[in-house]
C-alpha atoms as a PDB file:
ATOM      1  CA  MET A   1     207.832  91.988  21.812  1.00  0.00           C
ATOM      2  CA  PRO A   2     205.836  93.618  18.986  1.00  0.00           C
ATOM      3  CA  ALA A   3     203.341  90.749  19.192  1.00  0.00           C
ATOM      4  CA  ILE A   4     202.780  91.363  22.916  1.00  0.00           C
ATOM      5  CA  ARG A   5     202.346  95.088  22.311  1.00  0.00           C
ATOM      6  CA  TYR A   6     199.787  94.323  19.584  1.00  0.00           C
ATOM      7  CA  HIS A   7     197.753  92.065  21.871  1.00  0.00           C
ATOM      8  CA  VAL A   8     197.850  94.609  24.712  1.00  0.00           C
ATOM      9  CA  THR A   9     196.670  97.356  22.359  1.00  0.00           C
ATOM     10  CA  ALA A  10     193.881  95.186  20.988  1.00  0.00           C
ATOM     11  CA  LEU A  11     192.760  94.286  24.524  1.00  0.00           C
ATOM     12  CA  ALA A  12     192.715  97.954  25.542  1.00  0.00           C
ATOM     13  CA  ILE A  13     190.582  98.843  22.510  1.00  0.00           C
ATOM     14  CA  LEU A  14     188.112  96.060  23.303  1.00  0.00           C
ATOM     15  CA  LEU A  15     187.831  97.201  26.912  1.00  0.00           C
ATOM     16  CA  CYS A  16     187.161 100.775  25.788  1.00  0.00           C
ATOM     17  CA  LEU A  17     184.490  99.621  23.360  1.00  0.00           C
ATOM     18  CA  ALA A  18     182.814  97.488  26.015  1.00  0.00           C
ATOM     19  CA  ALA A  19     182.789 100.376  28.489  1.00  0.00           C
ATOM     20  CA  THR A  20     181.322 102.713  25.862  1.00  0.00           C
ATOM     21  CA  ALA A  21     178.600 100.224  24.916  1.00  0.00           C
ATOM     22  CA  CYS A  22     177.391 100.057  28.508  1.00  0.00           C
ATOM     23  CA  THR A  23     177.251 103.826  28.864  1.00  0.00           C
ATOM     24  CA  ARG A  24     173.754 105.196  29.330  1.00  0.00           C
ATOM     25  CA  VAL A  25     172.527 107.388  26.492  1.00  0.00           C
ATOM     26  CA  THR A  26     171.527 110.812  27.754  1.00  0.00           C
ATOM     27  CA  THR A  27     168.093 112.065  26.690  1.00  0.00           C
ATOM     28  CA  HIS A  28     168.440 115.043  24.363  1.00  0.00           C
ATOM     29  CA  VAL A  29     165.167 116.671  25.398  1.00  0.00           C
ATOM     30  CA  ALA A  30     164.144 116.579  29.048  1.00  0.00           C
ATOM     31  CA  VAL A  31     161.098 118.518  30.229  1.00  0.00           C
ATOM     32  CA  PRO A  32     161.792 120.334  33.509  1.00  0.00           C
ATOM     33  CA  GLU A  33     159.962 119.084  36.581  1.00  0.00           C
ATOM     34  CA  LEU A  34     156.981 121.397  37.007  1.00  0.00           C
ATOM     35  CA  GLN A  35     153.824 121.291  39.076  1.00  0.00           C
ATOM     36  CA  LEU A  36     150.493 121.855  37.346  1.00  0.00           C
ATOM     37  CA  GLY A  37     149.710 124.979  39.352  1.00  0.00           C
ATOM     38  CA  GLU A  38     152.965 126.798  38.553  1.00  0.00           C
ATOM     39  CA  PRO A  39     152.676 129.850  36.254  1.00  0.00           C
ATOM     40  CA  SER A  40     155.417 128.488  33.991  1.00  0.00           C
ATOM     41  CA  TYR A  41     153.739 125.088  33.498  1.00  0.00           C
ATOM     42  CA  PHE A  42     151.642 125.827  30.408  1.00  0.00           C
ATOM     43  CA  PRO A  43     154.240 127.995  28.588  1.00  0.00           C
ATOM     44  CA  THR A  44     156.872 125.298  29.166  1.00  0.00           C
ATOM     45  CA  GLN A  45     154.652 122.499  27.880  1.00  0.00           C
ATOM     46  CA  GLU A  46     153.751 124.576  24.819  1.00  0.00           C
ATOM     47  CA  ALA A  47     157.417 125.332  24.128  1.00  0.00           C
ATOM     48  CA  TYR A  48     158.502 121.688  24.365  1.00  0.00           C
ATOM     49  CA  GLY A  49     155.443 120.337  22.556  1.00  0.00           C
ATOM     50  CA  GLY A  50     155.509 122.896  19.761  1.00  0.00           C
ATOM     51  CA  ALA A  51     151.743 123.387  19.992  1.00  0.00           C
ATOM     52  CA  PRO A  52     149.398 125.626  21.986  1.00  0.00           C
ATOM     53  CA  ILE A  53     147.370 124.280  24.890  1.00  0.00           C
ATOM     54  CA  VAL A  54     143.668 124.907  24.368  1.00  0.00           C
ATOM     55  CA  GLY A  55     140.608 124.130  26.427  1.00  0.00           C
ATOM     56  CA  GLY A  56     137.603 121.993  25.628  1.00  0.00           C
ATOM     57  CA  ASN A  57     139.488 118.727  25.188  1.00  0.00           C
ATOM     58  CA  SER A  58     138.469 115.334  26.548  1.00  0.00           C
ATOM     59  CA  VAL A  59     140.099 111.910  26.791  1.00  0.00           C
ATOM     60  CA  GLU A  60     138.397 108.535  26.488  1.00  0.00           C
ATOM     61  CA  ILE A  61     140.365 105.319  27.053  1.00  0.00           C
ATOM     62  CA  LEU A  62     139.624 102.638  24.435  1.00  0.00           C
ATOM     63  CA  LEU A  63     140.926  99.241  25.553  1.00  0.00           C
ATOM     64  CA  ASN A  64     140.564  96.996  22.500  1.00  0.00           C
ATOM     65  CA  GLY A  65     139.294  96.687  18.954  1.00  0.00           C
ATOM     66  CA  GLU A  66     135.665  96.442  20.038  1.00  0.00           C
ATOM     67  CA  ASN A  67     136.000  99.958  21.473  1.00  0.00           C
ATOM     68  CA  ILE A  68     138.573 101.438  19.114  1.00  0.00           C
ATOM     69  CA  PHE A  69     137.127 100.749  15.677  1.00  0.00           C
ATOM     70  CA  PRO A  70     133.489 101.847  16.160  1.00  0.00           C
ATOM     71  CA  THR A  71     134.685 105.063  17.810  1.00  0.00           C
ATOM     72  CA  LEU A  72     137.167 105.659  15.004  1.00  0.00           C
ATOM     73  CA  VAL A  73     134.565 105.217  12.259  1.00  0.00           C
ATOM     74  CA  GLU A  74     131.981 107.248  14.171  1.00  0.00           C
ATOM     75  CA  GLY A  75     134.454 110.091  14.572  1.00  0.00           C
ATOM     76  CA  LEU A  76     135.191 110.102  10.849  1.00  0.00           C
ATOM     77  CA  ARG A  77     131.518 110.058   9.880  1.00  0.00           C
ATOM     78  CA  SER A  78     130.703 112.943  12.232  1.00  0.00           C
ATOM     79  CA  ALA A  79     133.343 115.329  10.848  1.00  0.00           C
ATOM     80  CA  LYS A  80     131.899 118.551   9.426  1.00  0.00           C
ATOM     81  CA  ARG A  81     134.882 120.571   8.184  1.00  0.00           C
ATOM     82  CA  THR A  82     138.202 118.715   7.887  1.00  0.00           C
ATOM     83  CA  ILE A  83     139.772 115.302   8.505  1.00  0.00           C
ATOM     84  CA  SER A  84     143.496 114.552   8.746  1.00  0.00           C
ATOM     85  CA  TYR A  85     144.050 110.797   8.827  1.00  0.00           C
ATOM     86  CA  ALA A  86     147.445 109.066   9.067  1.00  0.00           C
ATOM     87  CA  GLN A  87     147.790 105.284   9.055  1.00  0.00           C
ATOM     88  CA  TYR A  88     150.839 103.025   9.161  1.00  0.00           C
ATOM     89  CA  TYR A  89     149.306  99.557   8.759  1.00  0.00           C
ATOM     90  CA  TYR A  90     146.309  99.174   6.453  1.00  0.00           C
ATOM     91  CA  GLU A  91     145.042  95.934   4.917  1.00  0.00           C
ATOM     92  CA  ASP A  92     141.760  94.453   3.726  1.00  0.00           C
ATOM     93  CA  GLY A  93     138.935  93.744   6.156  1.00  0.00           C
ATOM     94  CA  PRO A  94     135.487  94.928   7.283  1.00  0.00           C
ATOM     95  CA  VAL A  95     136.817  97.766   9.446  1.00  0.00           C
ATOM     96  CA  ALA A  96     139.281  98.839   6.763  1.00  0.00           C
ATOM     97  CA  ARG A  97     136.394  99.064   4.317  1.00  0.00           C
ATOM     98  CA  ASP A  98     134.320 101.046   6.828  1.00  0.00           C
ATOM     99  CA  VAL A  99     137.170 103.546   7.256  1.00  0.00           C
ATOM    100  CA  ALA A 100     137.584 103.988   3.493  1.00  0.00           C
ATOM    101  CA  ASP A 101     133.823 104.353   3.022  1.00  0.00           C
ATOM    102  CA  ALA A 102     133.574 106.896   5.852  1.00  0.00           C
ATOM    103  CA  LEU A 103     136.411 109.001   4.439  1.00  0.00           C
ATOM    104  CA  ALA A 104     134.953 108.844   0.924  1.00  0.00           C
ATOM    105  CA  ASP A 105     131.491 109.770   2.224  1.00  0.00           C
ATOM    106  CA  ARG A 106     132.827 112.842   4.027  1.00  0.00           C
ATOM    107  CA  CYS A 107     134.693 113.909   0.873  1.00  0.00           C
ATOM    108  CA  ARG A 108     131.496 113.711  -1.165  1.00  0.00           C
ATOM    109  CA  ALA A 109     129.782 115.807   1.519  1.00  0.00           C
ATOM    110  CA  GLY A 110     132.320 118.592   1.027  1.00  0.00           C
ATOM    111  CA  VAL A 111     134.583 117.876   4.007  1.00  0.00           C
ATOM    112  CA  GLY A 112     138.279 118.489   3.346  1.00  0.00           C
ATOM    113  CA  VAL A 113     140.014 115.119   3.815  1.00  0.00           C
ATOM    114  CA  ASN A 114     143.771 114.524   3.838  1.00  0.00           C
ATOM    115  CA  VAL A 115     144.962 110.913   4.112  1.00  0.00           C
ATOM    116  CA  LEU A 116     148.583 109.884   4.640  1.00  0.00           C
ATOM    117  CA  LEU A 117     149.431 106.172   4.220  1.00  0.00           C
ATOM    118  CA  ASP A 118     152.754 104.486   4.891  1.00  0.00           C
ATOM    119  CA  SER A 119     154.021 102.869   1.696  1.00  0.00           C
ATOM    120  CA  PHE A 120     155.442  99.824   3.487  1.00  0.00           C
ATOM    121  CA  GLY A 121     152.794  99.323   6.144  1.00  0.00           C
ATOM    122  CA  SER A 122     149.978  99.616   3.591  1.00  0.00           C
ATOM    123  CA  LEU A 123     151.375  97.219   0.988  1.00  0.00           C
ATOM    124  CA  SER A 124     148.389  94.899   1.499  1.00  0.00           C
ATOM    125  CA  MET A 125     145.803  97.656   1.228  1.00  0.00           C
ATOM    126  CA  PRO A 126     143.444  97.008  -1.711  1.00  0.00           C
ATOM    127  CA  LYS A 127     143.905  99.536  -4.503  1.00  0.00           C
ATOM    128  CA  GLU A 128     140.140  99.955  -4.722  1.00  0.00           C
ATOM    129  CA  TYR A 129     140.137 101.699  -1.322  1.00  0.00           C
ATOM    130  CA  VAL A 130     142.569 104.349  -2.548  1.00  0.00           C
ATOM    131  CA  ASP A 131     140.686 104.710  -5.835  1.00  0.00           C
ATOM    132  CA  LEU A 132     137.411 105.125  -3.939  1.00  0.00           C
ATOM    133  CA  MET A 133     138.787 107.878  -1.718  1.00  0.00           C
ATOM    134  CA  ARG A 134     140.462 109.742  -4.570  1.00  0.00           C
ATOM    135  CA  ALA A 135     137.391 109.457  -6.799  1.00  0.00           C
ATOM    136  CA  SER A 136     135.352 110.978  -3.967  1.00  0.00           C
ATOM    137  CA  GLY A 137     137.695 113.965  -3.727  1.00  0.00           C
ATOM    138  CA  CYS A 138     140.005 112.907  -0.882  1.00  0.00           C
ATOM    139  CA  HIS A 139     143.648 113.959  -0.959  1.00  0.00           C
ATOM    140  CA  VAL A 140     145.595 110.695  -0.521  1.00  0.00           C
ATOM    141  CA  GLU A 141     149.390 110.613  -0.362  1.00  0.00           C
ATOM    142  CA  TRP A 142     152.023 107.959   0.402  1.00  0.00           C
ATOM    143  CA  PHE A 143     154.762 108.398   2.994  1.00  0.00           C
ATOM    144  CA  ARG A 144     158.153 107.382   1.591  1.00  0.00           C
ATOM    145  CA  PRO A 145     156.966 105.743  -1.651  1.00  0.00           C
ATOM    146  CA  LEU A 146     158.708 102.423  -2.278  1.00  0.00           C
ATOM    147  CA  SER A 147     160.760 101.601  -5.320  1.00  0.00           C
ATOM    148  CA  PRO A 148     159.122  99.110  -7.724  1.00  0.00           C
ATOM    149  CA  LEU A 149     162.083  96.849  -6.960  1.00  0.00           C
ATOM    150  CA  ALA A 150     161.468  96.912  -3.195  1.00  0.00           C
ATOM    151  CA  ILE A 151     161.006  93.538  -1.526  1.00  0.00           C
ATOM    152  CA  ARG A 152     157.336  92.957  -0.700  1.00  0.00           C
ATOM    153  CA  ARG A 153     157.605  91.558   2.788  1.00  0.00           C
ATOM    154  CA  SER A 154     156.125  92.539   6.113  1.00  0.00           C
ATOM    155  CA  THR A 155     157.361  92.409   9.691  1.00  0.00           C
ATOM    156  CA  PRO A 156     155.465  93.016  12.936  1.00  0.00           C
ATOM    157  CA  PRO A 157     155.363  96.819  12.968  1.00  0.00           C
ATOM    158  CA  ALA A 158     155.560  99.277  15.813  1.00  0.00           C
ATOM    159  CA  VAL A 159     152.521 101.199  14.691  1.00  0.00           C
ATOM    160  CA  ALA A 160     151.436 104.700  15.456  1.00  0.00           C
ATOM    161  CA  ARG A 161     148.183 106.023  14.147  1.00  0.00           C
ATOM    162  CA  SER A 162     146.991 109.578  14.501  1.00  0.00           C
ATOM    163  CA  ARG A 163     143.719 110.917  13.300  1.00  0.00           C
ATOM    164  CA  SER A 164     141.926 114.151  13.944  1.00  0.00           C
ATOM    165  CA  SER A 165     138.603 115.375  12.695  1.00  0.00           C
ATOM    166  CA  SER A 166     136.925 118.680  13.293  1.00  0.00           C
ATOM    167  CA  GLY A 167     133.158 118.741  13.583  1.00  0.00           C
ATOM    168  CA  SER A 168     130.397 117.887  15.999  1.00  0.00           C
ATOM    169  CA  ALA A 169     132.205 114.952  17.604  1.00  0.00           C
ATOM    170  CA  PRO A 170     135.990 115.344  17.315  1.00  0.00           C
ATOM    171  CA  VAL A 171     137.917 112.263  18.348  1.00  0.00           C
ATOM    172  CA  ALA A 172     141.630 111.511  18.327  1.00  0.00           C
ATOM    173  CA  SER A 173     143.105 108.054  18.735  1.00  0.00           C
ATOM    174  CA  THR A 174     146.582 106.592  18.957  1.00  0.00           C
ATOM    175  CA  GLY A 175     147.667 103.002  19.218  1.00  0.00           C
ATOM    176  CA  SER A 176     148.880  99.920  17.433  1.00  0.00           C
ATOM    177  CA  ARG A 177     145.568  98.515  16.239  1.00  0.00           C
ATOM    178  CA  ARG A 178     145.282  97.629  12.568  1.00  0.00           C
ATOM    179  CA  PRO A 179     141.906  98.346  10.950  1.00  0.00           C
ATOM    180  CA  ARG A 180     140.978  94.717  10.555  1.00  0.00           C
ATOM    181  CA  SER A 181     139.091  92.546  13.055  1.00  0.00           C
ATOM    182  CA  PRO A 182     137.895  93.981  16.405  1.00  0.00           C
ATOM    183  CA  THR A 183     136.412  90.667  17.573  1.00  0.00           C
ATOM    184  CA  LYS A 184     139.637  88.747  16.999  1.00  0.00           C
ATOM    185  CA  ALA A 185     141.706  91.450  18.701  1.00  0.00           C
ATOM    186  CA  ALA A 186     139.424  91.439  21.721  1.00  0.00           C
ATOM    187  CA  SER A 187     139.498  87.635  22.056  1.00  0.00           C
ATOM    188  CA  CYS A 188     143.308  87.713  22.138  1.00  0.00           C
ATOM    189  CA  LEU A 189     143.196  90.258  24.953  1.00  0.00           C
ATOM    190  CA  ARG A 190     140.663  88.249  26.977  1.00  0.00           C
ATOM    191  CA  SER A 191     142.403  84.871  26.499  1.00  0.00           C
ATOM    192  CA  PRO A 192     146.199  85.177  26.260  1.00  0.00           C
ATOM    193  CA  PRO A 193     147.549  82.770  23.599  1.00  0.00           C
ATOM    194  CA  THR A 194     149.591  79.803  24.750  1.00  0.00           C
ATOM    195  CA  SER A 195     150.685  77.923  21.634  1.00  0.00           C
ATOM    196  CA  ARG A 196     153.019  79.219  18.937  1.00  0.00           C
ATOM    197  CA  ALA A 197     150.208  79.145  16.360  1.00  0.00           C
ATOM    198  CA  SER A 198     147.786  81.087  18.551  1.00  0.00           C
ATOM    199  CA  ARG A 199     150.434  83.685  19.365  1.00  0.00           C
ATOM    200  CA  ALA A 200     151.091  84.157  15.657  1.00  0.00           C
ATOM    201  CA  ALA A 201     147.365  84.509  15.015  1.00  0.00           C
ATOM    202  CA  CYS A 202     147.024  87.188  17.686  1.00  0.00           C
ATOM    203  CA  ARG A 203     150.008  89.077  16.314  1.00  0.00           C
ATOM    204  CA  SER A 204     148.142  89.288  13.028  1.00  0.00           C
ATOM    205  CA  THR A 205     145.136  91.054  14.560  1.00  0.00           C
END
Protein backbone atom coordinates (compact mmCIF):
# COMPACT_ATOMS: atom_id res chain seq x y z
CA MET A 1 0.00 0.00 0.00
CA PRO A 2 2.75 2.54 0.80
CA ALA A 3 4.40 1.68 -2.52
CA ILE A 4 1.19 2.45 -4.44
CA ARG A 5 0.77 5.73 -2.57
CA TYR A 6 4.37 6.66 -3.43
CA HIS A 7 3.85 5.99 -7.14
CA VAL A 8 0.57 7.94 -7.18
CA THR A 9 2.25 10.90 -5.47
CA ALA A 10 5.18 10.81 -7.87
CA LEU A 11 2.81 10.68 -10.86
CA ALA A 12 0.84 13.66 -9.53
CA ILE A 13 4.04 15.68 -9.10
CA LEU A 14 5.15 14.87 -12.65
CA LEU A 15 1.77 15.90 -14.05
CA CYS A 16 1.94 19.20 -12.16
CA LEU A 17 5.44 19.88 -13.45
CA ALA A 18 4.42 19.10 -17.02
CA ALA A 19 1.41 21.40 -16.79
CA THR A 20 3.56 24.20 -15.36
CA ALA A 21 6.19 23.80 -18.08
CA CYS A 22 3.59 24.32 -20.79
CA THR A 23 2.20 27.45 -19.16
CA ARG A 24 2.74 30.60 -21.17
CA VAL A 25 5.03 33.14 -19.54
CA THR A 26 3.29 36.48 -19.14
CA THR A 27 5.18 39.53 -20.41
CA HIS A 28 6.17 41.77 -17.52
CA VAL A 29 6.06 45.00 -19.52
CA ALA A 30 3.30 45.46 -22.09
CA VAL A 31 2.88 48.80 -23.85
CA PRO A 32 -0.79 49.81 -24.05
CA GLU A 33 -2.38 49.83 -27.49
CA LEU A 34 -2.29 53.44 -28.64
CA GLN A 35 -2.83 55.18 -31.95
CA LEU A 36 -0.20 57.62 -33.17
CA GLY A 37 -2.58 60.58 -33.13
CA GLU A 38 -3.70 60.15 -29.51
CA PRO A 39 -2.50 62.82 -27.05
CA SER A 40 -1.18 60.15 -24.68
CA TYR A 41 0.92 58.39 -27.35
CA PHE A 42 4.20 60.27 -26.94
CA PRO A 43 4.13 60.53 -23.11
CA THR A 44 3.41 56.79 -22.89
CA GLN A 45 6.23 55.85 -25.25
CA GLU A 46 8.63 58.11 -23.33
CA ALA A 47 7.57 56.58 -20.01
CA TYR A 48 8.04 52.99 -21.20
CA GLY A 49 11.21 53.73 -23.17
CA GLY A 50 12.85 55.80 -20.45
CA ALA A 51 13.97 58.41 -22.99
CA PRO A 52 12.47 61.57 -24.50
CA ILE A 53 11.14 61.63 -28.04
CA VAL A 54 12.84 64.32 -30.09
CA GLY A 55 12.47 65.46 -33.67
CA GLY A 56 14.98 65.51 -36.49
CA ASN A 57 15.61 61.77 -36.58
CA SER A 58 15.84 59.60 -39.69
CA VAL A 59 16.03 55.87 -40.39
CA GLU A 60 17.97 54.15 -43.15
CA ILE A 61 17.68 50.38 -43.66
CA LEU A 62 21.05 48.69 -44.26
CA LEU A 63 20.59 45.16 -45.60
CA ASN A 64 24.07 43.61 -45.49
CA GLY A 65 27.74 44.16 -44.81
CA GLU A 66 28.28 46.08 -48.04
CA ASN A 67 25.84 48.70 -46.73
CA ILE A 68 26.45 48.43 -43.00
CA PHE A 69 30.22 48.77 -42.68
CA PRO A 70 30.88 51.79 -44.94
CA THR A 71 28.01 53.66 -43.28
CA LEU A 72 29.31 52.73 -39.84
CA VAL A 73 32.85 53.95 -40.56
CA GLU A 74 31.58 57.08 -42.30
CA GLY A 75 29.41 57.92 -39.31
CA LEU A 76 32.36 57.55 -36.95
CA ARG A 77 34.65 59.69 -39.10
CA SER A 78 32.05 62.47 -39.37
CA ALA A 79 31.51 62.87 -35.61
CA LYS A 80 32.34 66.35 -34.31
CA ARG A 81 31.66 66.24 -30.56
CA THR A 82 31.18 62.79 -29.00
CA ILE A 83 31.06 59.10 -29.92
CA SER A 84 29.62 56.30 -27.78
CA TYR A 85 30.47 52.94 -29.32
CA ALA A 86 29.46 49.54 -27.91
CA GLN A 87 30.47 46.28 -29.57
CA TYR A 88 29.87 42.65 -28.61
CA TYR A 89 31.86 40.76 -31.25
CA TYR A 90 35.15 42.25 -32.43
CA GLU A 91 37.95 40.40 -34.22
CA ASP A 92 40.71 41.15 -36.71
CA GLY A 93 39.91 42.20 -40.26
CA PRO A 94 39.91 45.17 -42.66
CA VAL A 95 36.66 46.65 -41.35
CA ALA A 96 37.71 46.11 -37.74
CA ARG A 97 40.90 48.03 -38.47
CA ASP A 98 38.92 50.81 -40.17
CA VAL A 99 36.69 51.15 -37.10
CA ALA A 100 39.68 51.32 -34.73
CA ASP A 101 41.44 53.84 -36.98
CA ALA A 102 38.31 55.99 -37.26
CA LEU A 103 37.80 56.05 -33.49
CA ALA A 104 41.48 56.84 -32.88
CA ASP A 105 41.41 59.60 -35.50
CA ARG A 106 38.40 61.27 -33.89
CA CYS A 107 40.10 61.09 -30.47
CA ARG A 108 43.18 62.84 -31.84
CA ALA A 109 40.88 65.50 -33.31
CA GLY A 110 39.48 66.27 -29.86
CA VAL A 111 36.22 64.31 -30.08
CA GLY A 112 35.17 62.64 -26.83
CA VAL A 113 35.10 58.89 -27.53
CA ASN A 114 33.80 56.20 -25.18
CA VAL A 115 34.18 52.57 -26.30
CA LEU A 116 32.62 49.60 -24.51
CA LEU A 117 33.78 46.11 -25.58
CA ASP A 118 32.41 42.78 -24.41
CA SER A 119 35.18 40.78 -22.76
CA PHE A 120 33.98 37.45 -24.17
CA GLY A 121 32.85 38.56 -27.61
CA SER A 122 36.08 40.50 -28.20
CA LEU A 123 38.53 37.78 -27.15
CA SER A 124 39.94 37.65 -30.69
CA MET A 125 40.35 41.41 -30.99
CA PRO A 126 44.02 42.32 -31.55
CA LYS A 127 45.52 44.14 -28.57
CA GLU A 128 47.05 46.69 -30.92
CA TYR A 129 43.56 48.05 -31.71
CA VAL A 130 42.89 48.78 -28.05
CA ASP A 131 46.37 50.23 -27.58
CA LEU A 132 45.87 52.46 -30.63
CA MET A 133 42.57 53.85 -29.35
CA ARG A 134 43.85 54.41 -25.82
CA ALA A 135 47.07 56.03 -27.04
CA SER A 136 44.94 58.41 -29.11
CA GLY A 137 42.92 59.44 -26.06
CA CYS A 138 39.86 57.18 -26.35
CA HIS A 139 38.20 55.89 -23.20
CA VAL A 140 38.04 52.10 -23.69
CA GLU A 141 36.45 49.80 -21.11
CA TRP A 142 35.56 46.09 -20.97
CA PHE A 143 32.10 44.79 -20.08
CA ARG A 144 32.31 42.00 -17.50
CA PRO A 145 36.09 41.42 -17.57
CA LEU A 146 36.95 37.73 -17.71
CA SER A 147 39.05 35.90 -15.18
CA PRO A 148 42.53 34.89 -16.42
CA LEU A 149 41.39 31.31 -15.84
CA ALA A 150 38.33 31.66 -18.09
CA ILE A 151 38.07 29.18 -20.95
CA ARG A 152 38.96 30.85 -24.25
CA ARG A 153 36.24 29.51 -26.48
CA SER A 154 33.62 31.12 -28.67
CA THR A 155 30.06 30.23 -29.61
CA PRO A 156 27.79 31.78 -32.24
CA PRO A 157 26.66 34.91 -30.41
CA ALA A 158 23.37 36.74 -30.42
CA VAL A 159 24.95 40.10 -31.05
CA ALA A 160 23.65 43.56 -30.43
CA ARG A 161 25.66 46.56 -31.42
CA SER A 162 24.75 50.13 -30.64
CA ARG A 163 26.67 53.16 -31.69
CA SER A 164 25.83 56.82 -31.65
CA SER A 165 27.84 59.78 -32.77
CA SER A 166 26.98 63.43 -32.58
CA GLY A 167 28.18 65.69 -35.36
CA SER A 168 27.40 66.58 -38.94
CA ALA A 169 26.18 63.12 -39.93
CA PRO A 170 24.85 61.22 -36.91
CA VAL A 171 24.12 57.58 -37.61
CA ALA A 172 22.92 54.78 -35.35
CA SER A 173 23.03 51.12 -36.25
CA THR A 174 21.93 47.88 -34.63
CA GLY A 175 22.36 44.34 -35.81
CA SER A 176 24.36 41.16 -35.63
CA ARG A 177 27.11 41.99 -38.10
CA ARG A 178 30.69 41.51 -36.95
CA PRO A 179 33.20 44.10 -38.19
CA ARG A 180 34.99 41.72 -40.49
CA SER A 181 34.20 41.03 -44.15
CA PRO A 182 31.32 42.84 -45.92
CA THR A 183 31.87 41.01 -49.22
CA LYS A 184 31.70 37.57 -47.62
CA ALA A 185 28.60 38.51 -45.62
CA ALA A 186 26.86 39.80 -48.73
CA SER A 187 27.68 36.67 -50.77
CA CYS A 188 26.10 34.49 -48.07
CA LEU A 189 22.93 36.57 -48.24
CA ARG A 190 22.76 36.40 -52.05
CA SER A 191 23.51 32.66 -52.29
CA PRO A 192 22.15 30.68 -49.33
CA PRO A 193 24.67 27.98 -48.28
CA THR A 194 23.76 24.36 -48.90
CA SER A 195 26.62 22.25 -47.54
CA ARG A 196 27.67 21.97 -43.91
CA ALA A 197 31.03 23.60 -44.67
CA SER A 198 29.48 26.56 -46.48
CA ARG A 199 26.96 27.09 -43.69
CA ALA A 200 29.79 27.15 -41.16
CA ALA A 201 31.69 29.63 -43.31
CA CYS A 202 28.69 31.96 -43.51
CA ARG A 203 28.16 31.75 -39.77
CA SER A 204 31.68 33.07 -39.37
CA THR A 205 30.99 36.24 -41.36
